[in-house]
């Protein structure tokens, strides 16, 4: 049930948190970077947000879902300024 529940949670979040920023997961993983990402979100995101792993056209991704378009835009801008995932 656990894996199926996570799929249902991701589908529900996609409906309820319609603003999404997808980040490709590099070959060496994202674990240390994920701490920095979630730390930034805990300080700067004003609305609700959630994250879910997914695969798009064979590429592993992390989808960050936001209730606020401003949070999604600020997060995306921060990612670009930090060059976090290069």
PDB file of N, CA and C in Angstrom:
ATOM      1  N   UNK A   1       0.818  -1.205   0.000  1.00  0.00           N
ATOM      2  CA  UNK A   1       0.000   0.000   0.000  1.00  0.00           C
ATOM      3  C   UNK A   1       0.859   1.265   0.000  1.00  0.00           C
ATOM      4  N   UNK A   2       2.060   1.205   0.559  1.00  0.00           N
ATOM      5  CA  UNK A   2       2.898   2.390   0.685  1.00  0.00           C
ATOM      6  C   UNK A   2       3.207   3.055  -0.635  1.00  0.00           C
ATOM      7  N   UNK A   3       3.637   2.268  -1.618  1.00  0.00           N
ATOM      8  CA  UNK A   3       3.984   2.852  -2.911  1.00  0.00           C
ATOM      9  C   UNK A   3       2.751   3.431  -3.598  1.00  0.00           C
ATOM     10  N   UNK A   4       1.632   2.723  -3.524  1.00  0.00           N
ATOM     11  CA  UNK A   4       0.415   3.212  -4.149  1.00  0.00           C
ATOM     12  C   UNK A   4      -0.060   4.487  -3.461  1.00  0.00           C
ATOM     13  N   UNK A   5       0.075   4.547  -2.133  1.00  0.00           N
ATOM     14  CA  UNK A   5      -0.315   5.749  -1.406  1.00  0.00           C
ATOM     15  C   UNK A   5       0.518   6.944  -1.856  1.00  0.00           C
ATOM     16  N   UNK A   6       1.815   6.734  -2.099  1.00  0.00           N
ATOM     17  CA  UNK A   6       2.651   7.852  -2.540  1.00  0.00           C
ATOM     18  C   UNK A   6       2.213   8.357  -3.919  1.00  0.00           C
ATOM     19  N   UNK A   7       1.758   7.450  -4.776  1.00  0.00           N
ATOM     20  CA  UNK A   7       1.230   7.860  -6.079  1.00  0.00           C
ATOM     21  C   UNK A   7      -0.037   8.687  -5.892  1.00  0.00           C
ATOM     22  N   UNK A   8      -0.913   8.245  -5.018  1.00  0.00           N
ATOM     23  CA  UNK A   8      -2.141   9.009  -4.740  1.00  0.00           C
ATOM     24  C   UNK A   8      -1.817  10.369  -4.137  1.00  0.00           C
ATOM     25  N   UNK A   9      -0.850  10.416  -3.218  1.00  0.00           N
ATOM     26  CA  UNK A   9      -0.442  11.689  -2.628  1.00  0.00           C
ATOM     27  C   UNK A   9       0.094  12.637  -3.690  1.00  0.00           C
ATOM     28  N   UNK A  10       0.911  12.130  -4.604  1.00  0.00           N
ATOM     29  CA  UNK A  10       1.471  12.957  -5.671  1.00  0.00           C
ATOM     30  C   UNK A  10       0.367  13.487  -6.585  1.00  0.00           C
ATOM     31  N   UNK A  11      -0.598  12.656  -6.910  1.00  0.00           N
ATOM     32  CA  UNK A  11      -1.714  13.092  -7.757  1.00  0.00           C
ATOM     33  C   UNK A  11      -2.549  14.152  -7.055  1.00  0.00           C
ATOM     34  N   UNK A  12      -2.795  13.958  -5.764  1.00  0.00           N
ATOM     35  CA  UNK A  12      -3.571  14.944  -5.002  1.00  0.00           C
ATOM     36  C   UNK A  12      -2.812  16.268  -4.921  1.00  0.00           C
ATOM     37  N   UNK A  13      -1.525  16.211  -4.635  1.00  0.00           N
ATOM     38  CA  UNK A  13      -0.734  17.443  -4.567  1.00  0.00           C
ATOM     39  C   UNK A  13      -0.690  18.151  -5.915  1.00  0.00           C
ATOM     40  N   UNK A  14      -0.610  17.404  -7.000  1.00  0.00           N
ATOM     41  CA  UNK A  14      -0.606  18.011  -8.330  1.00  0.00           C
ATOM     42  C   UNK A  14      -1.911  18.768  -8.592  1.00  0.00           C
ATOM     43  N   UNK A  15      -3.016  18.262  -8.059  1.00  0.00           N
ATOM     44  CA  UNK A  15      -4.302  18.955  -8.209  1.00  0.00           C
ATOM     45  C   UNK A  15      -4.390  20.171  -7.296  1.00  0.00           C
ATOM     46  N   UNK A  16      -3.970  20.019  -6.043  1.00  0.00           N
ATOM     47  CA  UNK A  16      -4.162  21.063  -5.042  1.00  0.00           C
ATOM     48  C   UNK A  16      -3.058  22.116  -5.046  1.00  0.00           C
ATOM     49  N   UNK A  17      -1.897  21.765  -5.566  1.00  0.00           N
ATOM     50  CA  UNK A  17      -0.752  22.677  -5.612  1.00  0.00           C
ATOM     51  C   UNK A  17      -0.344  22.794  -7.081  1.00  0.00           C
ATOM     52  N   UNK A  18      -1.025  23.654  -7.839  1.00  0.00           N
ATOM     53  CA  UNK A  18      -0.926  23.613  -9.298  1.00  0.00           C
ATOM     54  C   UNK A  18       0.331  24.233  -9.912  1.00  0.00           C
ATOM     55  N   UNK A  19       1.165  24.880  -9.130  1.00  0.00           N
ATOM     56  CA  UNK A  19       2.346  25.543  -9.679  1.00  0.00           C
ATOM     57  C   UNK A  19       3.563  24.666  -9.406  1.00  0.00           C
ATOM     58  N   UNK A  20       4.199  24.202 -10.473  1.00  0.00           N
ATOM     59  CA  UNK A  20       5.231  23.173 -10.351  1.00  0.00           C
ATOM     60  C   UNK A  20       6.563  23.633 -10.924  1.00  0.00           C
ATOM     61  N   UNK A  21       7.623  23.277 -10.210  1.00  0.00           N
ATOM     62  CA  UNK A  21       8.987  23.457 -10.696  1.00  0.00           C
ATOM     63  C   UNK A  21       9.620  22.067 -10.693  1.00  0.00           C
ATOM     64  N   UNK A  22       9.995  21.583 -11.875  1.00  0.00           N
ATOM     65  CA  UNK A  22      10.623  20.266 -12.007  1.00  0.00           C
ATOM     66  C   UNK A  22      12.133  20.430 -12.088  1.00  0.00           C
ATOM     67  N   UNK A  23      12.836  19.588 -11.354  1.00  0.00           N
ATOM     68  CA  UNK A  23      14.299  19.613 -11.338  1.00  0.00           C
ATOM     69  C   UNK A  23      14.797  18.229 -11.734  1.00  0.00           C
ATOM     70  N   UNK A  24      15.623  18.147 -12.776  1.00  0.00           N
ATOM     71  CA  UNK A  24      16.197  16.844 -13.126  1.00  0.00           C
ATOM     72  C   UNK A  24      17.161  16.382 -12.037  1.00  0.00           C
ATOM     73  N   UNK A  25      17.161  15.102 -11.785  1.00  0.00           N
ATOM     74  CA  UNK A  25      18.085  14.532 -10.807  1.00  0.00           C
ATOM     75  C   UNK A  25      19.353  14.134 -11.554  1.00  0.00           C
ATOM     76  N   UNK A  26      20.493  14.716 -11.183  1.00  0.00           N
ATOM     77  CA  UNK A  26      21.743  14.376 -11.864  1.00  0.00           C
ATOM     78  C   UNK A  26      22.176  12.946 -11.566  1.00  0.00           C
ATOM     79  N   UNK A  27      23.100  12.445 -12.368  1.00  0.00           N
ATOM     80  CA  UNK A  27      23.559  11.062 -12.228  1.00  0.00           C
ATOM     81  C   UNK A  27      24.151  10.776 -10.852  1.00  0.00           C
ATOM     82  N   UNK A  28      24.782  11.776 -10.246  1.00  0.00           N
ATOM     83  CA  UNK A  28      25.381  11.575  -8.923  1.00  0.00           C
ATOM     84  C   UNK A  28      24.386  11.775  -7.778  1.00  0.00           C
ATOM     85  N   UNK A  29      23.129  11.970  -8.102  1.00  0.00           N
ATOM     86  CA  UNK A  29      22.090  12.105  -7.081  1.00  0.00           C
ATOM     87  C   UNK A  29      21.856  13.547  -6.673  1.00  0.00           C
ATOM     88  N   UNK A  30      20.973  13.713  -5.719  1.00  0.00           N
ATOM     89  CA  UNK A  30      20.559  15.057  -5.319  1.00  0.00           C
ATOM     90  C   UNK A  30      20.508  15.207  -3.795  1.00  0.00           C
ATOM     91  N   UNK A  31      20.949  14.200  -3.057  1.00  0.00           N
ATOM     92  CA  UNK A  31      20.719  14.161  -1.612  1.00  0.00           C
ATOM     93  C   UNK A  31      21.252  15.382  -0.865  1.00  0.00           C
ATOM     94  N   UNK A  32      22.518  15.759  -1.058  1.00  0.00           N
ATOM     95  CA  UNK A  32      23.042  16.927  -0.333  1.00  0.00           C
ATOM     96  C   UNK A  32      22.393  18.211  -0.818  1.00  0.00           C
ATOM     97  N   UNK A  33      22.117  18.292  -2.090  1.00  0.00           N
ATOM     98  CA  UNK A  33      21.447  19.478  -2.633  1.00  0.00           C
ATOM     99  C   UNK A  33      20.022  19.582  -2.120  1.00  0.00           C
ATOM    100  N   UNK A  34      19.388  18.427  -1.899  1.00  0.00           N
ATOM    101  CA  UNK A  34      18.003  18.427  -1.422  1.00  0.00           C
ATOM    102  C   UNK A  34      17.900  19.120  -0.059  1.00  0.00           C
ATOM    103  N   UNK A  35      18.890  18.925   0.799  1.00  0.00           N
ATOM    104  CA  UNK A  35      18.880  19.613   2.094  1.00  0.00           C
ATOM    105  C   UNK A  35      18.868  21.122   1.906  1.00  0.00           C
ATOM    106  N   UNK A  36      19.671  21.610   0.976  1.00  0.00           N
ATOM    107  CA  UNK A  36      19.726  23.051   0.710  1.00  0.00           C
ATOM    108  C   UNK A  36      18.402  23.544   0.122  1.00  0.00           C
ATOM    109  N   UNK A  37      17.820  22.752  -0.773  1.00  0.00           N
ATOM    110  CA  UNK A  37      16.544  23.125  -1.393  1.00  0.00           C
ATOM    111  C   UNK A  37      15.439  23.225  -0.344  1.00  0.00           C
ATOM    112  N   UNK A  38      15.305  22.205   0.471  1.00  0.00           N
ATOM    113  CA  UNK A  38      14.216  22.211   1.462  1.00  0.00           C
ATOM    114  C   UNK A  38      14.456  23.255   2.554  1.00  0.00           C
ATOM    115  N   UNK A  39      15.718  23.533   2.870  1.00  0.00           N
ATOM    116  CA  UNK A  39      16.016  24.595   3.833  1.00  0.00           C
ATOM    117  C   UNK A  39      15.559  25.947   3.278  1.00  0.00           C
ATOM    118  N   UNK A  40      15.884  26.216   2.024  1.00  0.00           N
ATOM    119  CA  UNK A  40      15.467  27.470   1.400  1.00  0.00           C
ATOM    120  C   UNK A  40      13.945  27.586   1.410  1.00  0.00           C
ATOM    121  N   UNK A  41      13.273  26.502   1.055  1.00  0.00           N
ATOM    122  CA  UNK A  41      11.807  26.519   1.023  1.00  0.00           C
ATOM    123  C   UNK A  41      11.217  26.749   2.407  1.00  0.00           C
ATOM    124  N   UNK A  42      11.796  26.145   3.425  1.00  0.00           N
ATOM    125  CA  UNK A  42      11.251  26.310   4.780  1.00  0.00           C
ATOM    126  C   UNK A  42      11.347  27.757   5.247  1.00  0.00           C
ATOM    127  N   UNK A  43      12.298  28.498   4.732  1.00  0.00           N
ATOM    128  CA  UNK A  43      12.461  29.902   5.113  1.00  0.00           C
ATOM    129  C   UNK A  43      11.649  30.832   4.217  1.00  0.00           C
ATOM    130  N   UNK A  44      11.644  30.580   2.903  1.00  0.00           N
ATOM    131  CA  UNK A  44      11.130  31.550   1.943  1.00  0.00           C
ATOM    132  C   UNK A  44       9.733  31.272   1.394  1.00  0.00           C
ATOM    133  N   UNK A  45       9.310  30.036   1.338  1.00  0.00           N
ATOM    134  CA  UNK A  45       7.988  29.734   0.769  1.00  0.00           C
ATOM    135  C   UNK A  45       6.909  30.142   1.761  1.00  0.00           C
ATOM    136  N   UNK A  46       5.983  30.956   1.313  1.00  0.00           N
ATOM    137  CA  UNK A  46       4.921  31.469   2.189  1.00  0.00           C
ATOM    138  C   UNK A  46       3.689  30.562   2.209  1.00  0.00           C
ATOM    139  N   UNK A  47       3.453  29.865   1.109  1.00  0.00           N
ATOM    140  CA  UNK A  47       2.294  28.988   1.019  1.00  0.00           C
ATOM    141  C   UNK A  47       2.687  27.536   1.213  1.00  0.00           C
ATOM    142  N   UNK A  48       1.747  26.664   0.920  1.00  0.00           N
ATOM    143  CA  UNK A  48       2.012  25.232   1.013  1.00  0.00           C
ATOM    144  C   UNK A  48       2.858  24.772  -0.162  1.00  0.00           C
ATOM    145  N   UNK A  49       3.681  23.760   0.089  1.00  0.00           N
ATOM    146  CA  UNK A  49       4.470  23.148  -0.971  1.00  0.00           C
ATOM    147  C   UNK A  49       4.687  21.679  -0.639  1.00  0.00           C
ATOM    148  N   UNK A  50       4.981  20.912  -1.661  1.00  0.00           N
ATOM    149  CA  UNK A  50       5.273  19.483  -1.502  1.00  0.00           C
ATOM    150  C   UNK A  50       6.257  19.090  -2.594  1.00  0.00           C
ATOM    151  N   UNK A  51       6.922  17.976  -2.384  1.00  0.00           N
ATOM    152  CA  UNK A  51       7.863  17.466  -3.383  1.00  0.00           C
ATOM    153  C   UNK A  51       7.580  16.001  -3.643  1.00  0.00           C
ATOM    154  N   UNK A  52       7.767  15.598  -4.884  1.00  0.00           N
ATOM    155  CA  UNK A  52       7.562  14.205  -5.267  1.00  0.00           C
ATOM    156  C   UNK A  52       8.536  13.836  -6.367  1.00  0.00           C
ATOM    157  N   UNK A  53       9.091  12.651  -6.274  1.00  0.00           N
ATOM    158  CA  UNK A  53       9.932  12.123  -7.347  1.00  0.00           C
ATOM    159  C   UNK A  53       9.035  11.620  -8.467  1.00  0.00           C
ATOM    160  N   UNK A  54       9.538  11.720  -9.681  1.00  0.00           N
ATOM    161  CA  UNK A  54       8.794  11.220 -10.836  1.00  0.00           C
ATOM    162  C   UNK A  54       9.767  10.963 -11.970  1.00  0.00           C
ATOM    163  N   UNK A  55       9.278  10.318 -13.001  1.00  0.00           N
ATOM    164  CA  UNK A  55      10.070  10.071 -14.195  1.00  0.00           C
ATOM    165  C   UNK A  55       9.328  10.663 -15.383  1.00  0.00           C
ATOM    166  N   UNK A  56      10.020  11.497 -16.154  1.00  0.00           N
ATOM    167  CA  UNK A  56       9.440  12.123 -17.335  1.00  0.00           C
ATOM    168  C   UNK A  56      10.334  11.778 -18.519  1.00  0.00           C
ATOM    169  N   UNK A  57       9.783  11.048 -19.479  1.00  0.00           N
ATOM    170  CA  UNK A  57      10.537  10.630 -20.674  1.00  0.00           C
ATOM    171  C   UNK A  57      11.871   9.976 -20.300  1.00  0.00           C
ATOM    172  N   UNK A  58      11.840   9.119 -19.284  1.00  0.00           N
ATOM    173  CA  UNK A  58      13.024   8.392 -18.863  1.00  0.00           C
ATOM    174  C   UNK A  58      13.978   9.166 -17.959  1.00  0.00           C
ATOM    175  N   UNK A  59      13.704  10.446 -17.714  1.00  0.00           N
ATOM    176  CA  UNK A  59      14.556  11.279 -16.855  1.00  0.00           C
ATOM    177  C   UNK A  59      13.946  11.334 -15.456  1.00  0.00           C
ATOM    178  N   UNK A  60      14.754  10.991 -14.461  1.00  0.00           N
ATOM    179  CA  UNK A  60      14.283  11.094 -13.080  1.00  0.00           C
ATOM    180  C   UNK A  60      14.262  12.563 -12.674  1.00  0.00           C
ATOM    181  N   UNK A  61      13.171  12.955 -12.041  1.00  0.00           N
ATOM    182  CA  UNK A  61      12.955  14.354 -11.677  1.00  0.00           C
ATOM    183  C   UNK A  61      12.436  14.441 -10.246  1.00  0.00           C
ATOM    184  N   UNK A  62      12.592  15.628  -9.672  1.00  0.00           N
ATOM    185  CA  UNK A  62      11.892  15.975  -8.440  1.00  0.00           C
ATOM    186  C   UNK A  62      10.957  17.109  -8.817  1.00  0.00           C
ATOM    187  N   UNK A  63       9.676  16.915  -8.554  1.00  0.00           N
ATOM    188  CA  UNK A  63       8.689  17.953  -8.805  1.00  0.00           C
ATOM    189  C   UNK A  63       8.364  18.662  -7.501  1.00  0.00           C
ATOM    190  N   UNK A  64       8.566  19.967  -7.485  1.00  0.00           N
ATOM    191  CA  UNK A  64       8.177  20.784  -6.338  1.00  0.00           C
ATOM    192  C   UNK A  64       6.864  21.464  -6.703  1.00  0.00           C
ATOM    193  N   UNK A  65       5.840  21.216  -5.910  1.00  0.00           N
ATOM    194  CA  UNK A  65       4.494  21.724  -6.174  1.00  0.00           C
ATOM    195  C   UNK A  65       4.168  22.807  -5.150  1.00  0.00           C
ATOM    196  N   UNK A  66       3.618  23.911  -5.632  1.00  0.00           N
ATOM    197  CA  UNK A  66       3.341  25.072  -4.785  1.00  0.00           C
ATOM    198  C   UNK A  66       1.889  25.501  -4.897  1.00  0.00           C
ATOM    199  N   UNK A  67       1.374  26.049  -3.802  1.00  0.00           N
ATOM    200  CA  UNK A  67       0.029  26.621  -3.823  1.00  0.00           C
ATOM    201  C   UNK A  67       0.069  28.038  -4.389  1.00  0.00           C
ATOM    202  N   UNK A  68       1.225  28.667  -4.363  1.00  0.00           N
ATOM    203  CA  UNK A  68       1.364  30.064  -4.775  1.00  0.00           C
ATOM    204  C   UNK A  68       2.244  30.188  -6.011  1.00  0.00           C
ATOM    205  N   UNK A  69       1.786  30.928  -7.011  1.00  0.00           N
ATOM    206  CA  UNK A  69       2.642  31.137  -8.186  1.00  0.00           C
ATOM    207  C   UNK A  69       3.899  31.935  -7.827  1.00  0.00           C
ATOM    208  N   UNK A  70       3.795  32.791  -6.818  1.00  0.00           N
ATOM    209  CA  UNK A  70       4.946  33.602  -6.406  1.00  0.00           C
ATOM    210  C   UNK A  70       6.022  32.726  -5.773  1.00  0.00           C
ATOM    211  N   UNK A  71       5.615  31.760  -4.955  1.00  0.00           N
ATOM    212  CA  UNK A  71       6.597  30.847  -4.364  1.00  0.00           C
ATOM    213  C   UNK A  71       7.304  30.035  -5.448  1.00  0.00           C
ATOM    214  N   UNK A  72       6.533  29.556  -6.416  1.00  0.00           N
ATOM    215  CA  UNK A  72       7.135  28.776  -7.510  1.00  0.00           C
ATOM    216  C   UNK A  72       8.121  29.631  -8.298  1.00  0.00           C
ATOM    217  N   UNK A  73       7.746  30.858  -8.606  1.00  0.00           N
ATOM    218  CA  UNK A  73       8.621  31.762  -9.368  1.00  0.00           C
ATOM    219  C   UNK A  73       9.868  32.117  -8.569  1.00  0.00           C
ATOM    220  N   UNK A  74       9.711  32.439  -7.287  1.00  0.00           N
ATOM    221  CA  UNK A  74      10.865  32.781  -6.451  1.00  0.00           C
ATOM    222  C   UNK A  74      11.825  31.599  -6.329  1.00  0.00           C
ATOM    223  N   UNK A  75      11.266  30.401  -6.177  1.00  0.00           N
ATOM    224  CA  UNK A  75      12.085  29.198  -6.084  1.00  0.00           C
ATOM    225  C   UNK A  75      12.857  28.969  -7.386  1.00  0.00           C
ATOM    226  N   UNK A  76      12.161  29.090  -8.492  1.00  0.00           N
ATOM    227  CA  UNK A  76      12.794  28.903  -9.796  1.00  0.00           C
ATOM    228  C   UNK A  76      13.898  29.943 -10.023  1.00  0.00           C
ATOM    229  N   UNK A  77      13.633  31.200  -9.661  1.00  0.00           N
ATOM    230  CA  UNK A  77      14.635  32.252  -9.801  1.00  0.00           C
ATOM    231  C   UNK A  77      15.846  31.978  -8.912  1.00  0.00           C
ATOM    232  N   UNK A  78      15.606  31.519  -7.692  1.00  0.00           N
ATOM    233  CA  UNK A  78      16.700  31.201  -6.781  1.00  0.00           C
ATOM    234  C   UNK A  78      17.551  30.061  -7.336  1.00  0.00           C
ATOM    235  N   UNK A  79      16.895  29.051  -7.877  1.00  0.00           N
ATOM    236  CA  UNK A  79      17.635  27.934  -8.468  1.00  0.00           C
ATOM    237  C   UNK A  79      18.562  28.424  -9.583  1.00  0.00           C
ATOM    238  N   UNK A  80      18.060  29.295 -10.424  1.00  0.00           N
ATOM    239  CA  UNK A  80      18.870  29.807 -11.529  1.00  0.00           C
ATOM    240  C   UNK A  80      20.039  30.653 -10.996  1.00  0.00           C
ATOM    241  N   UNK A  81      19.786  31.453  -9.984  1.00  0.00           N
ATOM    242  CA  UNK A  81      20.847  32.316  -9.460  1.00  0.00           C
ATOM    243  C   UNK A  81      21.925  31.515  -8.731  1.00  0.00           C
ATOM    244  N   UNK A  82      21.535  30.434  -8.122  1.00  0.00           N
ATOM    245  CA  UNK A  82      22.475  29.598  -7.382  1.00  0.00           C
ATOM    246  C   UNK A  82      23.216  28.615  -8.286  1.00  0.00           C
ATOM    247  N   UNK A  83      22.673  28.389  -9.470  1.00  0.00           N
ATOM    248  CA  UNK A  83      23.188  27.344 -10.353  1.00  0.00           C
ATOM    249  C   UNK A  83      23.361  26.037  -9.563  1.00  0.00           C
ATOM    250  N   UNK A  84      22.340  25.749  -8.788  1.00  0.00           N
ATOM    251  CA  UNK A  84      22.346  24.633  -7.840  1.00  0.00           C
ATOM    252  C   UNK A  84      22.648  23.281  -8.465  1.00  0.00           C
ATOM    253  N   UNK A  85      22.075  23.031  -9.604  1.00  0.00           N
ATOM    254  CA  UNK A  85      22.084  21.657 -10.100  1.00  0.00           C
ATOM    255  C   UNK A  85      22.996  21.467 -11.310  1.00  0.00           C
ATOM    256  N   UNK A  86      23.979  22.299 -11.461  1.00  0.00           N
ATOM    257  CA  UNK A  86      24.895  22.145 -12.595  1.00  0.00           C
ATOM    258  C   UNK A  86      26.106  21.382 -12.184  1.00  0.00           C
TER     259      UNK A  86
END
